[in-house]
Amino acid sequence: MPTRYEVTATALNLRASPSAAGDILTVLRRGQQCVGAGDAQDGWLPVSYQQLSGYLSANYVRVAPGAAAPSPAPVPAPTGGVPLPADPQTRLSDQSQLHPQFRQALGVLLDKLAAENRPFKVFEAFRTPERQRWLYEQGRSRPGGIVTNAKPWESFHQYGLAVDLVLFVNGQWTWSSTGDLGAHWKRLPDLAKEAGLRTLTWEAPHVELPVALRDAAGPALLASADAGWADTLASAAARWRAAGGSGAPDLAPAQRPTTA
């Protein structure tokens, strides 16, 4: 029977690789439990937590007394690329989860920005519906200012067709539009348009593929998809439905044309 472990630290990062430099998938809190997936090596313990698989520092976990391992949840995970985080506060910036058509146009835009020494970087790319719901609740059912008007599956982020580009200056993210920084934000919509993308007047960092939301998982985009995008979208939709959510797209496989 797999061993169940309990977190002893106040907060402990679950990382994608056995290294302090590994990407953070989510954060476990003191008392939360996970299931071991092998023996610790070089101080890193492979574990599974909800739908995530990663590594924890073995110094900050202990065997949970008398706990049995749970049955794995019957929710598919992406077959490749970056796992979907369970924590809605975790943002993703991996471009492999974006649709290849959008990813190509985004690359053109980033090259244009770099050529003009405009320090934009991808702050957030694919966004899980759970995170979209969490963001939508801000300023409504929980404290804070409103940051989005889109509910889950009403945002292009859920379809891998949008990113948020934010200025990265002196090693820090900044949304400031004062002084010289304002010129960067004013230039972004023009360069996005040149790259075949569109921006939103009410949300400056947002850049998306100019298609209708009803076509975001339609036949044309499905036909030109790759595994990174398709697996991510299918996994997010399946997990959302398994939790009783609605609005996720029905990813019917694209049909190849018949031969003569």
Protein backbone atom coordinates (compact mmCIF):
# COMPACT_ATOMS: atom_id res chain seq x y z
CA MET A 1 0.00 0.00 0.00
CA PRO A 2 1.41 3.45 -0.89
CA THR A 3 2.61 5.55 2.03
CA ARG A 4 0.69 8.69 2.96
CA TYR A 5 2.72 11.68 4.10
CA GLU A 6 1.78 14.77 6.11
CA VAL A 7 3.28 18.23 5.64
CA THR A 8 5.03 19.60 8.74
CA ALA A 9 6.03 23.01 7.36
CA THR A 10 3.79 26.07 7.38
CA ALA A 11 3.91 26.08 3.58
CA LEU A 12 5.68 23.62 1.30
CA ASN A 13 6.11 23.91 -2.47
CA LEU A 14 5.20 20.96 -4.66
CA ARG A 15 7.70 21.19 -7.51
CA ALA A 16 7.66 19.72 -11.00
CA SER A 17 11.22 18.42 -10.67
CA PRO A 18 13.42 17.32 -7.73
CA SER A 19 15.16 20.65 -7.34
CA ALA A 20 14.67 23.98 -5.58
CA ALA A 21 14.68 25.47 -9.08
CA GLY A 22 11.79 23.28 -10.24
CA ASP A 23 8.54 24.96 -11.25
CA ILE A 24 6.03 25.28 -8.41
CA LEU A 25 2.86 23.31 -9.16
CA THR A 26 1.03 24.25 -5.95
CA VAL A 27 1.65 24.93 -2.25
CA LEU A 28 0.73 22.48 0.50
CA ARG A 29 -0.02 23.72 4.00
CA ARG A 30 0.80 22.23 7.40
CA GLY A 31 -1.28 19.12 8.04
CA GLN A 32 -2.21 18.48 4.41
CA GLN A 33 -1.50 14.98 3.15
CA CYS A 34 -0.20 13.45 -0.06
CA VAL A 35 0.68 9.99 -1.32
CA GLY A 36 4.24 8.81 -1.85
CA ALA A 37 5.19 7.71 -5.35
CA GLY A 38 8.60 6.21 -4.55
CA ASP A 39 11.60 6.62 -2.30
CA ALA A 40 13.22 9.96 -1.56
CA GLN A 41 16.42 10.71 -3.46
CA ASP A 42 18.82 13.55 -2.70
CA GLY A 43 16.31 14.96 -0.23
CA TRP A 44 13.34 15.03 -2.64
CA LEU A 45 10.28 12.83 -2.23
CA PRO A 46 8.11 11.98 -5.27
CA VAL A 47 4.43 12.29 -4.38
CA SER A 48 0.97 12.66 -5.86
CA TYR A 49 -1.43 15.30 -4.55
CA GLN A 50 -4.96 15.47 -5.94
CA GLN A 51 -4.39 15.40 -9.73
CA LEU A 52 -0.77 16.57 -9.50
CA SER A 53 2.49 14.63 -9.45
CA GLY A 54 5.66 16.29 -8.24
CA TYR A 55 8.36 16.47 -5.58
CA LEU A 56 8.46 17.71 -1.98
CA SER A 57 11.45 18.40 0.22
CA ALA A 58 11.69 15.26 2.40
CA ASN A 59 12.80 17.39 5.36
CA TYR A 60 9.32 18.85 5.80
CA VAL A 61 7.07 15.80 5.61
CA ARG A 62 6.45 12.82 7.86
CA VAL A 63 4.58 9.56 7.53
CA ALA A 64 0.96 10.23 8.47
CA PRO A 65 0.05 7.89 11.33
CA GLY A 66 -2.68 5.38 10.52
CA ALA A 67 -3.61 6.92 7.18
CA ALA A 68 -4.49 4.79 4.18
CA ALA A 69 -3.84 5.89 0.65
CA PRO A 70 -6.92 7.02 -1.25
CA SER A 71 -8.05 5.62 -4.57
CA PRO A 72 -6.79 7.79 -7.40
CA ALA A 73 -9.31 10.26 -8.75
CA PRO A 74 -10.75 9.18 -12.13
CA VAL A 75 -9.87 12.46 -13.81
CA PRO A 76 -7.48 12.42 -16.76
CA ALA A 77 -4.35 14.53 -16.70
CA PRO A 78 -2.55 15.91 -19.73
CA THR A 79 -0.45 13.23 -21.42
CA GLY A 80 2.33 15.73 -21.96
CA GLY A 81 3.42 19.20 -20.98
CA VAL A 82 2.66 20.92 -17.70
CA PRO A 83 0.19 19.38 -15.20
CA LEU A 84 -2.90 21.38 -14.30
CA PRO A 85 -2.61 22.87 -10.81
CA ALA A 86 -5.30 22.13 -8.25
CA ASP A 87 -4.72 25.40 -6.39
CA PRO A 88 -6.70 28.20 -8.10
CA GLN A 89 -4.09 30.72 -6.98
CA THR A 90 -1.46 29.06 -9.17
CA ARG A 91 -0.98 30.70 -12.56
CA LEU A 92 0.52 29.03 -15.61
CA SER A 93 2.85 30.63 -18.14
CA ASP A 94 3.98 27.64 -20.20
CA GLN A 95 3.40 28.38 -23.87
CA SER A 96 3.18 24.67 -24.79
CA GLN A 97 -0.38 24.72 -23.42
CA LEU A 98 -1.44 27.37 -25.93
CA HIS A 99 -2.95 26.62 -29.32
CA PRO A 100 -0.15 26.48 -31.93
CA GLN A 101 -1.82 29.10 -34.13
CA PHE A 102 -1.97 31.54 -31.24
CA ARG A 103 1.48 30.52 -30.01
CA GLN A 104 3.00 31.34 -33.39
CA ALA A 105 1.38 34.79 -33.50
CA LEU A 106 2.43 35.40 -29.89
CA GLY A 107 6.03 34.61 -30.84
CA VAL A 108 5.86 37.25 -33.58
CA LEU A 109 4.50 39.77 -31.07
CA LEU A 110 7.18 39.00 -28.48
CA ASP A 111 9.86 39.43 -31.15
CA LYS A 112 8.40 42.82 -32.10
CA LEU A 113 8.35 43.90 -28.46
CA ALA A 114 11.93 42.78 -27.94
CA ALA A 115 13.06 44.62 -31.07
CA GLU A 116 11.72 47.84 -29.57
CA ASN A 117 13.16 47.09 -26.12
CA ARG A 118 9.72 46.87 -24.54
CA PRO A 119 10.10 44.63 -21.46
CA PHE A 120 6.92 42.57 -21.68
CA LYS A 121 6.85 38.93 -20.59
CA VAL A 122 4.10 36.32 -20.41
CA PHE A 123 2.64 36.65 -16.93
CA GLU A 124 -0.18 34.14 -17.41
CA ALA A 125 -1.12 31.86 -20.30
CA PHE A 126 -3.57 28.95 -20.02
CA ARG A 127 -5.88 29.45 -17.05
CA THR A 128 -7.86 26.65 -15.45
CA PRO A 129 -11.62 27.16 -15.05
CA GLU A 130 -11.14 26.77 -11.29
CA ARG A 131 -8.76 29.73 -11.29
CA GLN A 132 -11.11 31.72 -13.54
CA ARG A 133 -13.91 31.18 -11.02
CA TRP A 134 -11.61 32.20 -8.17
CA LEU A 135 -10.63 35.39 -9.98
CA TYR A 136 -14.28 36.16 -10.86
CA GLU A 137 -15.23 35.84 -7.19
CA GLN A 138 -12.75 38.57 -6.23
CA GLY A 139 -14.66 41.76 -5.57
CA ARG A 140 -17.91 39.83 -5.54
CA SER A 141 -18.11 36.98 -3.02
CA ARG A 142 -14.66 37.60 -1.53
CA PRO A 143 -12.67 40.75 -0.74
CA GLY A 144 -10.65 42.67 -3.29
CA GLY A 145 -11.18 44.66 -6.44
CA ILE A 146 -12.83 43.16 -9.51
CA VAL A 147 -10.19 41.80 -11.89
CA THR A 148 -12.31 40.01 -14.49
CA ASN A 149 -15.86 40.02 -15.83
CA ALA A 150 -15.56 36.54 -17.35
CA LYS A 151 -16.90 33.44 -15.65
CA PRO A 152 -15.31 30.02 -16.24
CA TRP A 153 -15.22 29.09 -19.95
CA GLU A 154 -16.13 32.67 -20.91
CA SER A 155 -12.47 33.66 -21.06
CA PHE A 156 -10.08 32.88 -23.93
CA HIS A 157 -7.56 31.85 -21.28
CA GLN A 158 -9.48 28.59 -20.73
CA TYR A 159 -9.04 27.75 -24.42
CA GLY A 160 -5.31 28.49 -24.60
CA LEU A 161 -6.00 31.42 -26.91
CA ALA A 162 -4.93 34.30 -24.66
CA VAL A 163 -2.10 35.50 -22.46
CA ASP A 164 -1.53 38.37 -20.10
CA LEU A 165 1.61 40.33 -20.98
CA VAL A 166 3.05 42.36 -18.12
CA LEU A 167 6.11 44.59 -17.88
CA PHE A 168 9.09 42.94 -16.18
CA VAL A 169 11.47 45.65 -14.98
CA ASN A 170 14.47 45.25 -12.68
CA GLY A 171 13.48 41.68 -11.85
CA GLN A 172 9.90 42.58 -10.88
CA TRP A 173 6.46 42.58 -12.49
CA THR A 174 4.86 45.98 -12.81
CA TRP A 175 1.47 47.12 -14.08
CA SER A 176 2.45 50.77 -13.72
CA SER A 177 1.63 53.04 -16.64
CA THR A 178 3.20 56.18 -15.23
CA GLY A 179 6.15 58.01 -16.77
CA ASP A 180 8.14 56.18 -19.42
CA LEU A 181 6.30 52.92 -18.70
CA GLY A 182 3.10 54.33 -20.14
CA ALA A 183 4.62 54.37 -23.63
CA HIS A 184 5.08 50.59 -23.50
CA TRP A 185 1.40 50.00 -22.73
CA LYS A 186 0.29 52.42 -25.45
CA ARG A 187 2.42 50.63 -28.03
CA LEU A 188 1.25 47.10 -27.13
CA PRO A 189 -2.13 47.17 -29.00
CA ASP A 190 -0.52 48.35 -32.25
CA LEU A 191 2.17 45.66 -32.19
CA ALA A 192 -0.41 43.01 -31.25
CA LYS A 193 -2.50 44.00 -34.26
CA GLU A 194 0.56 43.78 -36.52
CA ALA A 195 1.08 40.22 -35.24
CA GLY A 196 -2.53 39.29 -36.03
CA LEU A 197 -3.79 39.47 -32.46
CA ARG A 198 -6.16 41.75 -30.56
CA THR A 199 -6.17 43.43 -27.18
CA LEU A 200 -8.94 44.59 -24.84
CA THR A 201 -9.54 48.26 -24.09
CA TRP A 202 -10.66 47.46 -20.54
CA GLU A 203 -7.84 45.00 -19.70
CA ALA A 204 -4.48 46.28 -20.90
CA PRO A 205 -2.35 43.12 -20.39
CA HIS A 206 -4.76 40.80 -22.22
CA VAL A 207 -3.83 39.63 -25.73
CA GLU A 208 -5.90 37.03 -27.61
CA LEU A 209 -6.51 35.33 -30.93
CA PRO A 210 -9.19 37.26 -32.87
CA VAL A 211 -11.87 34.58 -33.11
CA ALA A 212 -15.37 34.31 -31.68
CA LEU A 213 -15.67 32.56 -28.35
CA ARG A 214 -18.06 30.03 -29.89
CA ASP A 215 -15.22 29.00 -32.24
CA ALA A 216 -12.57 28.75 -29.50
CA ALA A 217 -12.80 24.95 -29.56
CA GLY A 218 -14.42 24.67 -32.98
CA PRO A 219 -13.52 22.44 -35.93
CA ALA A 220 -10.98 24.83 -37.45
CA LEU A 221 -8.89 25.16 -34.31
CA LEU A 222 -9.26 21.47 -33.46
CA ALA A 223 -7.96 20.54 -36.90
CA SER A 224 -4.81 22.62 -36.42
CA ALA A 225 -4.22 21.64 -32.78
CA ASP A 226 -1.24 19.88 -31.26
CA ALA A 227 -1.07 17.47 -28.33
CA GLY A 228 0.03 20.11 -25.80
CA TRP A 229 -3.07 22.23 -26.42
CA ALA A 230 -5.56 19.41 -26.96
CA ASP A 231 -4.48 17.42 -23.89
CA THR A 232 -4.53 20.49 -21.67
CA LEU A 233 -7.97 21.58 -22.81
CA ALA A 234 -9.43 18.06 -22.60
CA SER A 235 -8.04 17.56 -19.10
CA ALA A 236 -9.38 20.89 -17.86
CA ALA A 237 -12.82 20.19 -19.33
CA ALA A 238 -12.96 16.67 -17.87
CA ARG A 239 -11.95 17.80 -14.39
CA TRP A 240 -14.48 20.64 -14.50
CA ARG A 241 -17.31 18.27 -15.48
CA ALA A 242 -16.26 15.69 -12.87
CA ALA A 243 -16.69 18.37 -10.20
CA GLY A 244 -20.21 19.16 -11.45
CA GLY A 245 -19.29 22.26 -13.45
CA SER A 246 -20.96 23.34 -16.67
CA GLY A 247 -19.92 25.25 -19.77
CA ALA A 248 -16.86 23.20 -20.73
CA PRO A 249 -16.49 22.58 -24.48
CA ASP A 250 -17.30 19.25 -26.08
CA LEU A 251 -14.06 18.31 -27.81
CA ALA A 252 -15.32 16.16 -30.63
CA PRO A 253 -12.34 14.91 -32.64
CA ALA A 254 -11.77 16.68 -35.93
CA GLN A 255 -12.57 14.52 -38.94
CA ARG A 256 -10.03 14.09 -41.70
CA PRO A 257 -11.31 14.67 -45.24
CA THR A 258 -12.18 11.52 -47.15
CA THR A 259 -9.89 10.40 -49.94
CA ALA A 260 -11.07 10.17 -53.53
